[in-house]
C-alpha atoms as a PDB file:
ATOM      1  CA  MET A   1       4.203   4.621 -14.080  1.00  0.00           C
ATOM      2  CA  GLY A   2       6.080   2.701 -11.294  1.00  0.00           C
ATOM      3  CA  TYR A   3       3.892   1.092  -9.377  1.00  0.00           C
ATOM      4  CA  VAL A   4       3.829  -1.467  -5.923  1.00  0.00           C
ATOM      5  CA  LEU A   5       1.865  -4.322  -4.980  1.00  0.00           C
ATOM      6  CA  VAL A   6       0.774  -4.156  -1.701  1.00  0.00           C
ATOM      7  CA  ARG A   7      -1.362  -6.411   0.889  1.00  0.00           C
ATOM      8  CA  PRO A   8      -3.072  -4.016   2.885  1.00  0.00           C
ATOM      9  CA  SER A   9      -2.630  -4.196   7.057  1.00  0.00           C
ATOM     10  CA  GLU A  10      -5.837  -5.274   8.830  1.00  0.00           C
ATOM     11  CA  ALA A  11      -8.235  -2.746  10.041  1.00  0.00           C
ATOM     12  CA  GLU A  12      -8.869  -1.946  13.480  1.00  0.00           C
ATOM     13  CA  SER A  13     -11.729  -3.814  15.061  1.00  0.00           C
ATOM     14  CA  LYS A  14     -10.971  -2.230  18.587  1.00  0.00           C
ATOM     15  CA  THR A  15     -10.343   1.546  19.319  1.00  0.00           C
ATOM     16  CA  ALA A  16      -7.708   2.678  22.048  1.00  0.00           C
ATOM     17  CA  SER A  17      -9.828   2.606  24.568  1.00  0.00           C
ATOM     18  CA  GLY A  18     -11.296  -0.963  23.973  1.00  0.00           C
ATOM     19  CA  ILE A  19     -14.869  -0.417  22.236  1.00  0.00           C
ATOM     20  CA  ILE A  20     -14.936  -2.579  19.558  1.00  0.00           C
ATOM     21  CA  LEU A  21     -16.087  -1.219  15.976  1.00  0.00           C
ATOM     22  CA  PRO A  22     -18.863  -2.656  13.636  1.00  0.00           C
ATOM     23  CA  GLU A  23     -17.085  -3.578  10.067  1.00  0.00           C
ATOM     24  CA  SER A  24     -19.010  -0.897   8.829  1.00  0.00           C
ATOM     25  CA  ALA A  25     -17.150   1.642  11.195  1.00  0.00           C
ATOM     26  CA  GLN A  26     -13.794   0.351  10.586  1.00  0.00           C
ATOM     27  CA  GLU A  27     -11.508   2.393   8.561  1.00  0.00           C
ATOM     28  CA  LYS A  28      -9.408   1.030   5.551  1.00  0.00           C
ATOM     29  CA  PRO A  29      -5.725   1.151   6.559  1.00  0.00           C
ATOM     30  CA  ALA A  30      -3.481   3.063   4.681  1.00  0.00           C
ATOM     31  CA  GLN A  31      -0.420   1.053   5.531  1.00  0.00           C
ATOM     32  CA  GLY A  32       0.654  -2.295   4.628  1.00  0.00           C
ATOM     33  CA  THR A  33       3.661  -4.621   3.519  1.00  0.00           C
ATOM     34  CA  VAL A  34       5.237  -4.786  -0.120  1.00  0.00           C
ATOM     35  CA  ILE A  35       4.219  -7.727  -1.594  1.00  0.00           C
ATOM     36  CA  ALA A  36       5.910  -7.268  -5.292  1.00  0.00           C
ATOM     37  CA  CYS A  37       7.971  -3.718  -7.161  1.00  0.00           C
ATOM     38  CA  GLY A  38       6.822  -3.212 -10.525  1.00  0.00           C
ATOM     39  CA  ASP A  39       9.666  -1.697 -13.441  1.00  0.00           C
ATOM     40  CA  ASP A  40      11.466   0.918 -12.871  1.00  0.00           C
ATOM     41  CA  MET A  41      10.410   3.968 -14.124  1.00  0.00           C
ATOM     42  CA  VAL A  42      11.745   5.867 -17.332  1.00  0.00           C
ATOM     43  CA  PHE A  43      11.357   9.590 -17.978  1.00  0.00           C
ATOM     44  CA  GLU A  44      11.243  11.234 -21.458  1.00  0.00           C
ATOM     45  CA  ASN A  45      14.550  12.804 -20.905  1.00  0.00           C
ATOM     46  CA  GLY A  46      16.324   8.631 -20.358  1.00  0.00           C
ATOM     47  CA  LYS A  47      16.283   9.398 -16.160  1.00  0.00           C
ATOM     48  CA  VAL A  48      15.567   6.073 -14.225  1.00  0.00           C
ATOM     49  CA  LEU A  49      13.459   6.017 -11.006  1.00  0.00           C
ATOM     50  CA  LYS A  50      13.868   3.046  -9.304  1.00  0.00           C
ATOM     51  CA  CYS A  51      11.278   1.203  -7.249  1.00  0.00           C
ATOM     52  CA  PRO A  52      11.867   3.560  -3.768  1.00  0.00           C
ATOM     53  CA  VAL A  53      10.923  -0.346  -1.651  1.00  0.00           C
ATOM     54  CA  ALA A  54      11.423  -3.703  -1.918  1.00  0.00           C
ATOM     55  CA  ALA A  55       9.480  -6.659  -1.052  1.00  0.00           C
ATOM     56  CA  GLY A  56       8.838  -7.410   2.670  1.00  0.00           C
ATOM     57  CA  ASP A  57       8.692  -3.566   3.511  1.00  0.00           C
ATOM     58  CA  LYS A  58       5.699  -1.890   5.644  1.00  0.00           C
ATOM     59  CA  VAL A  59       5.042   1.375   4.233  1.00  0.00           C
ATOM     60  CA  VAL A  60       2.060   4.027   4.456  1.00  0.00           C
ATOM     61  CA  TYR A  61       0.673   5.000   1.471  1.00  0.00           C
ATOM     62  CA  LYS A  62      -2.088   7.954   0.309  1.00  0.00           C
ATOM     63  CA  LYS A  63      -5.631   7.134   1.660  1.00  0.00           C
ATOM     64  CA  TRP A  64      -7.004   7.227  -1.609  1.00  0.00           C
ATOM     65  CA  GLY A  65      -4.046   6.011  -3.298  1.00  0.00           C
ATOM     66  CA  GLY A  66      -3.746   3.036  -5.584  1.00  0.00           C
ATOM     67  CA  ASP A  67      -6.383   0.597  -7.043  1.00  0.00           C
ATOM     68  CA  GLU A  68      -7.802  -2.379  -4.860  1.00  0.00           C
ATOM     69  CA  ILE A  69      -7.388  -5.956  -6.951  1.00  0.00           C
ATOM     70  CA  LYS A  70      -8.250  -9.541  -5.254  1.00  0.00           C
ATOM     71  CA  ILE A  71      -6.388 -12.412  -6.398  1.00  0.00           C
ATOM     72  CA  GLY A  72      -6.804 -16.184  -5.156  1.00  0.00           C
ATOM     73  CA  GLY A  73      -9.257 -14.192  -3.029  1.00  0.00           C
ATOM     74  CA  VAL A  74      -7.128 -12.141  -1.006  1.00  0.00           C
ATOM     75  CA  GLU A  75      -7.148  -8.542  -1.374  1.00  0.00           C
ATOM     76  CA  TYR A  76      -4.225  -5.932  -2.516  1.00  0.00           C
ATOM     77  CA  LYS A  77      -3.212  -2.430  -3.501  1.00  0.00           C
ATOM     78  CA  LEU A  78      -1.620  -1.443  -6.615  1.00  0.00           C
ATOM     79  CA  VAL A  79      -0.285   1.381  -5.722  1.00  0.00           C
ATOM     80  CA  LYS A  80       2.166   4.263  -7.621  1.00  0.00           C
ATOM     81  CA  PHE A  81       5.732   4.869  -6.371  1.00  0.00           C
ATOM     82  CA  ASP A  82       4.117   8.398  -5.882  1.00  0.00           C
ATOM     83  CA  ASP A  83       1.742   7.536  -3.818  1.00  0.00           C
ATOM     84  CA  LEU A  84       3.741   5.922  -1.273  1.00  0.00           C
ATOM     85  CA  MET A  85       4.443   8.264   1.927  1.00  0.00           C
ATOM     86  CA  ALA A  86       6.903   6.454   3.850  1.00  0.00           C
ATOM     87  CA  ILE A  87       8.430   3.403   4.923  1.00  0.00           C
ATOM     88  CA  LEU A  88       7.701   1.704   8.574  1.00  0.00           C
ATOM     89  CA  THR A  89      10.616   0.145  10.651  1.00  0.00           C
END
């Protein structure tokens, strides 16, 4: 499986109408910035799937996709290539 290391965007602390949300009500974002790409995926038939994104790309991933990890006090998501949904421009 190919993976991408993503730093999630900050959760919104205020609604569009200006209501301030307590931390317990803030929804974790399903988007962030790619920090690094893992190895390419190699299938049993020999076909290779290269990393679909590059470091610095802003991406949207499946809401429940990826594993949360903490490195040096910073939270990241380790997301499978299959869980990436879009690249934001």
